[in-house]
């Protein structure tokens, strides 16, 4: 399901789906990754990243992410539909 992911920075970090890791939400991240990412729907360095993508998990949109570590773990353990 396509969902809007509202990633609130915690200690200046967010979970990045593109890179599948927790990243500092700073100017370098925004310039090198967010600015060219098709999932990017808005970013404020150090505060939040608004991303829109097809998430296989059963979540609601918007999906509020307040702890990037919890989101990272959830993304690593998500279940995929059998092909």
N, C-alpha and C. Protein backbone atom coordinates (compact mmCIF):
# COMPACT_ATOMS: atom_id res chain seq x y z
N UNK A 1 0.83 -1.17 0.00
CA UNK A 1 0.00 0.00 0.00
C UNK A 1 0.88 1.24 0.00
N UNK A 2 0.58 2.17 -0.89
CA UNK A 2 1.33 3.42 -0.88
C UNK A 2 0.93 4.23 0.34
N UNK A 3 1.92 4.73 1.05
CA UNK A 3 1.66 5.48 2.28
C UNK A 3 2.63 6.64 2.41
N UNK A 4 2.14 7.69 3.00
CA UNK A 4 2.95 8.85 3.32
C UNK A 4 3.63 8.56 4.67
N UNK A 5 4.95 8.60 4.69
CA UNK A 5 5.73 8.33 5.90
C UNK A 5 6.27 9.65 6.44
N UNK A 6 5.80 10.02 7.61
CA UNK A 6 6.25 11.24 8.27
C UNK A 6 7.34 10.86 9.27
N UNK A 7 8.58 11.01 8.84
CA UNK A 7 9.74 10.63 9.65
C UNK A 7 10.23 11.82 10.46
N UNK A 8 9.90 11.81 11.74
CA UNK A 8 10.35 12.88 12.62
C UNK A 8 11.76 12.56 13.11
N UNK A 9 12.63 13.53 13.02
CA UNK A 9 14.02 13.31 13.44
C UNK A 9 14.10 13.10 14.95
N UNK A 10 14.84 12.09 15.33
CA UNK A 10 15.12 11.84 16.74
C UNK A 10 16.62 11.94 16.89
N UNK A 11 17.05 12.87 17.71
CA UNK A 11 18.48 13.14 17.88
C UNK A 11 19.12 13.43 16.53
N UNK A 12 18.35 14.09 15.64
CA UNK A 12 18.86 14.49 14.33
C UNK A 12 18.91 13.38 13.29
N UNK A 13 18.32 12.22 13.60
CA UNK A 13 18.39 11.08 12.68
C UNK A 13 17.01 10.59 12.28
N UNK A 14 16.92 10.00 11.08
CA UNK A 14 15.70 9.38 10.57
C UNK A 14 16.05 8.06 9.90
N UNK A 15 15.03 7.23 9.70
CA UNK A 15 15.20 6.01 8.90
C UNK A 15 15.04 6.41 7.44
N UNK A 16 15.96 5.99 6.59
CA UNK A 16 15.91 6.26 5.16
C UNK A 16 15.60 4.95 4.43
N UNK A 17 14.44 4.88 3.78
CA UNK A 17 14.06 3.69 3.02
C UNK A 17 14.99 3.48 1.83
N UNK A 18 15.36 4.56 1.16
CA UNK A 18 16.24 4.47 -0.01
C UNK A 18 17.55 3.76 0.34
N UNK A 19 18.12 4.12 1.47
CA UNK A 19 19.40 3.55 1.89
C UNK A 19 19.25 2.37 2.85
N UNK A 20 18.02 2.16 3.33
CA UNK A 20 17.70 1.11 4.30
C UNK A 20 18.61 1.18 5.51
N UNK A 21 18.70 2.39 6.07
CA UNK A 21 19.50 2.57 7.27
C UNK A 21 19.10 3.87 7.96
N UNK A 22 19.56 4.02 9.16
CA UNK A 22 19.34 5.25 9.91
C UNK A 22 20.42 6.23 9.50
N UNK A 23 20.00 7.45 9.17
CA UNK A 23 20.94 8.45 8.66
C UNK A 23 20.76 9.77 9.41
N UNK A 24 21.83 10.57 9.48
CA UNK A 24 21.67 11.92 10.03
C UNK A 24 20.91 12.76 9.01
N UNK A 25 19.89 13.45 9.46
CA UNK A 25 19.10 14.28 8.55
C UNK A 25 19.75 15.67 8.48
N UNK A 26 20.88 15.71 7.79
CA UNK A 26 21.64 16.95 7.67
C UNK A 26 21.72 17.38 6.20
N UNK A 27 22.39 18.47 5.95
CA UNK A 27 22.51 18.99 4.59
C UNK A 27 23.16 18.01 3.64
N UNK A 28 24.13 17.26 4.10
CA UNK A 28 24.81 16.28 3.25
C UNK A 28 23.85 15.18 2.79
N UNK A 29 23.05 14.66 3.72
CA UNK A 29 22.05 13.63 3.39
C UNK A 29 21.03 14.18 2.39
N UNK A 30 20.54 15.38 2.66
CA UNK A 30 19.53 15.98 1.79
C UNK A 30 20.09 16.19 0.39
N UNK A 31 21.29 16.71 0.31
CA UNK A 31 21.92 17.00 -0.98
C UNK A 31 22.23 15.72 -1.76
N UNK A 32 22.83 14.74 -1.09
CA UNK A 32 23.29 13.53 -1.78
C UNK A 32 22.18 12.52 -2.05
N UNK A 33 21.15 12.47 -1.21
CA UNK A 33 20.14 11.43 -1.34
C UNK A 33 18.71 11.96 -1.48
N UNK A 34 18.26 12.75 -0.52
CA UNK A 34 16.86 13.21 -0.52
C UNK A 34 16.51 14.01 -1.76
N UNK A 35 17.40 14.88 -2.18
CA UNK A 35 17.08 15.78 -3.30
C UNK A 35 16.80 15.04 -4.59
N UNK A 36 17.37 13.86 -4.79
CA UNK A 36 17.14 13.09 -6.00
C UNK A 36 16.25 11.88 -5.81
N UNK A 37 15.70 11.70 -4.63
CA UNK A 37 14.91 10.52 -4.31
C UNK A 37 13.46 10.70 -4.78
N UNK A 38 12.93 9.74 -5.56
CA UNK A 38 11.56 9.85 -6.02
C UNK A 38 10.52 9.71 -4.90
N UNK A 39 10.95 9.21 -3.73
CA UNK A 39 10.04 9.06 -2.59
C UNK A 39 9.92 10.35 -1.78
N UNK A 40 10.84 11.29 -1.99
CA UNK A 40 10.89 12.53 -1.22
C UNK A 40 9.70 13.43 -1.53
N UNK A 41 8.96 13.78 -0.50
CA UNK A 41 7.83 14.71 -0.64
C UNK A 41 8.02 15.94 0.23
N UNK A 42 9.23 16.12 0.72
CA UNK A 42 9.55 17.30 1.52
C UNK A 42 10.46 16.93 2.68
N UNK A 43 11.40 17.80 2.94
CA UNK A 43 12.35 17.53 4.03
C UNK A 43 12.78 18.84 4.67
N UNK A 44 12.95 18.79 5.97
CA UNK A 44 13.49 19.92 6.73
C UNK A 44 14.65 19.36 7.53
N UNK A 45 15.91 19.66 7.11
CA UNK A 45 17.08 19.09 7.78
C UNK A 45 16.99 19.24 9.30
N UNK A 46 17.27 18.14 9.98
CA UNK A 46 17.26 18.12 11.44
C UNK A 46 15.89 17.99 12.06
N UNK A 47 14.81 18.08 11.24
CA UNK A 47 13.46 18.05 11.79
C UNK A 47 12.61 16.89 11.28
N UNK A 48 12.44 16.77 9.96
CA UNK A 48 11.59 15.71 9.44
C UNK A 48 11.90 15.43 7.97
N UNK A 49 11.50 14.23 7.55
CA UNK A 49 11.52 13.85 6.15
C UNK A 49 10.16 13.24 5.84
N UNK A 50 9.49 13.77 4.82
CA UNK A 50 8.19 13.28 4.39
C UNK A 50 8.43 12.44 3.14
N UNK A 51 8.18 11.14 3.24
CA UNK A 51 8.47 10.22 2.13
C UNK A 51 7.20 9.44 1.77
N UNK A 52 7.03 9.16 0.48
CA UNK A 52 5.85 8.46 -0.02
C UNK A 52 6.30 7.26 -0.83
N UNK A 53 5.95 6.05 -0.37
CA UNK A 53 6.34 4.85 -1.08
C UNK A 53 5.43 3.69 -0.74
N UNK A 54 5.55 2.64 -1.56
CA UNK A 54 4.73 1.45 -1.41
C UNK A 54 5.31 0.58 -0.30
N UNK A 55 4.61 0.49 0.80
CA UNK A 55 5.06 -0.22 1.99
C UNK A 55 4.30 -1.54 2.09
N UNK A 56 5.00 -2.65 2.21
CA UNK A 56 4.36 -3.97 2.28
C UNK A 56 3.74 -4.24 3.65
N UNK A 57 4.05 -3.42 4.63
CA UNK A 57 3.50 -3.63 5.97
C UNK A 57 2.07 -3.12 6.04
N UNK A 58 1.27 -3.66 6.94
CA UNK A 58 -0.11 -3.17 7.11
C UNK A 58 -0.13 -1.90 7.96
N UNK A 59 0.11 -0.76 7.33
CA UNK A 59 0.16 0.53 8.04
C UNK A 59 -0.91 1.46 7.49
N UNK A 60 -1.17 2.53 8.22
CA UNK A 60 -2.10 3.56 7.77
C UNK A 60 -1.30 4.74 7.22
N UNK A 61 -1.94 5.51 6.37
CA UNK A 61 -1.31 6.72 5.84
C UNK A 61 -2.05 7.93 6.38
N UNK A 62 -1.35 8.86 6.99
CA UNK A 62 0.10 8.91 7.12
C UNK A 62 0.60 7.97 8.21
N UNK A 63 1.81 7.51 8.01
CA UNK A 63 2.50 6.64 8.96
C UNK A 63 3.52 7.52 9.68
N UNK A 64 3.30 7.75 10.97
CA UNK A 64 4.18 8.62 11.75
C UNK A 64 5.31 7.80 12.34
N UNK A 65 6.54 8.19 12.05
CA UNK A 65 7.73 7.51 12.56
C UNK A 65 8.40 8.46 13.54
N UNK A 66 8.37 8.08 14.82
CA UNK A 66 8.98 8.94 15.84
C UNK A 66 10.29 8.38 16.37
N UNK A 67 10.58 7.11 16.05
CA UNK A 67 11.84 6.52 16.47
C UNK A 67 12.44 5.76 15.28
N UNK A 68 13.51 6.28 14.69
CA UNK A 68 14.07 5.63 13.51
C UNK A 68 14.58 4.21 13.77
N UNK A 69 14.98 3.92 15.00
CA UNK A 69 15.47 2.57 15.30
C UNK A 69 14.33 1.55 15.24
N UNK A 70 13.18 1.93 15.76
CA UNK A 70 12.02 1.04 15.72
C UNK A 70 11.59 0.82 14.27
N UNK A 71 11.60 1.88 13.47
CA UNK A 71 11.23 1.76 12.06
C UNK A 71 12.22 0.88 11.31
N UNK A 72 13.50 1.04 11.57
CA UNK A 72 14.52 0.21 10.93
C UNK A 72 14.28 -1.26 11.24
N UNK A 73 14.08 -1.58 12.49
CA UNK A 73 13.84 -2.98 12.89
C UNK A 73 12.59 -3.51 12.22
N UNK A 74 11.54 -2.72 12.19
CA UNK A 74 10.29 -3.14 11.56
C UNK A 74 10.50 -3.42 10.07
N UNK A 75 11.29 -2.61 9.42
CA UNK A 75 11.54 -2.80 7.99
C UNK A 75 12.38 -4.05 7.72
N UNK A 76 13.22 -4.44 8.66
CA UNK A 76 14.05 -5.63 8.47
C UNK A 76 13.27 -6.91 8.71
N UNK A 77 12.20 -6.84 9.47
CA UNK A 77 11.44 -8.03 9.84
C UNK A 77 10.08 -8.11 9.14
N UNK A 78 9.82 -7.18 8.21
CA UNK A 78 8.51 -7.17 7.55
C UNK A 78 8.33 -8.45 6.72
N UNK A 79 7.09 -8.83 6.58
CA UNK A 79 6.77 -10.03 5.81
C UNK A 79 6.35 -9.63 4.41
N UNK A 80 6.85 -10.36 3.43
CA UNK A 80 6.50 -10.11 2.03
C UNK A 80 5.50 -11.16 1.57
N UNK A 81 4.66 -10.76 0.67
CA UNK A 81 3.73 -11.72 0.07
C UNK A 81 4.53 -12.70 -0.77
N UNK A 82 4.14 -13.94 -0.75
CA UNK A 82 4.82 -14.96 -1.58
C UNK A 82 4.55 -14.66 -3.05
N UNK A 83 5.56 -14.83 -3.84
CA UNK A 83 5.45 -14.56 -5.29
C UNK A 83 5.14 -15.84 -6.02
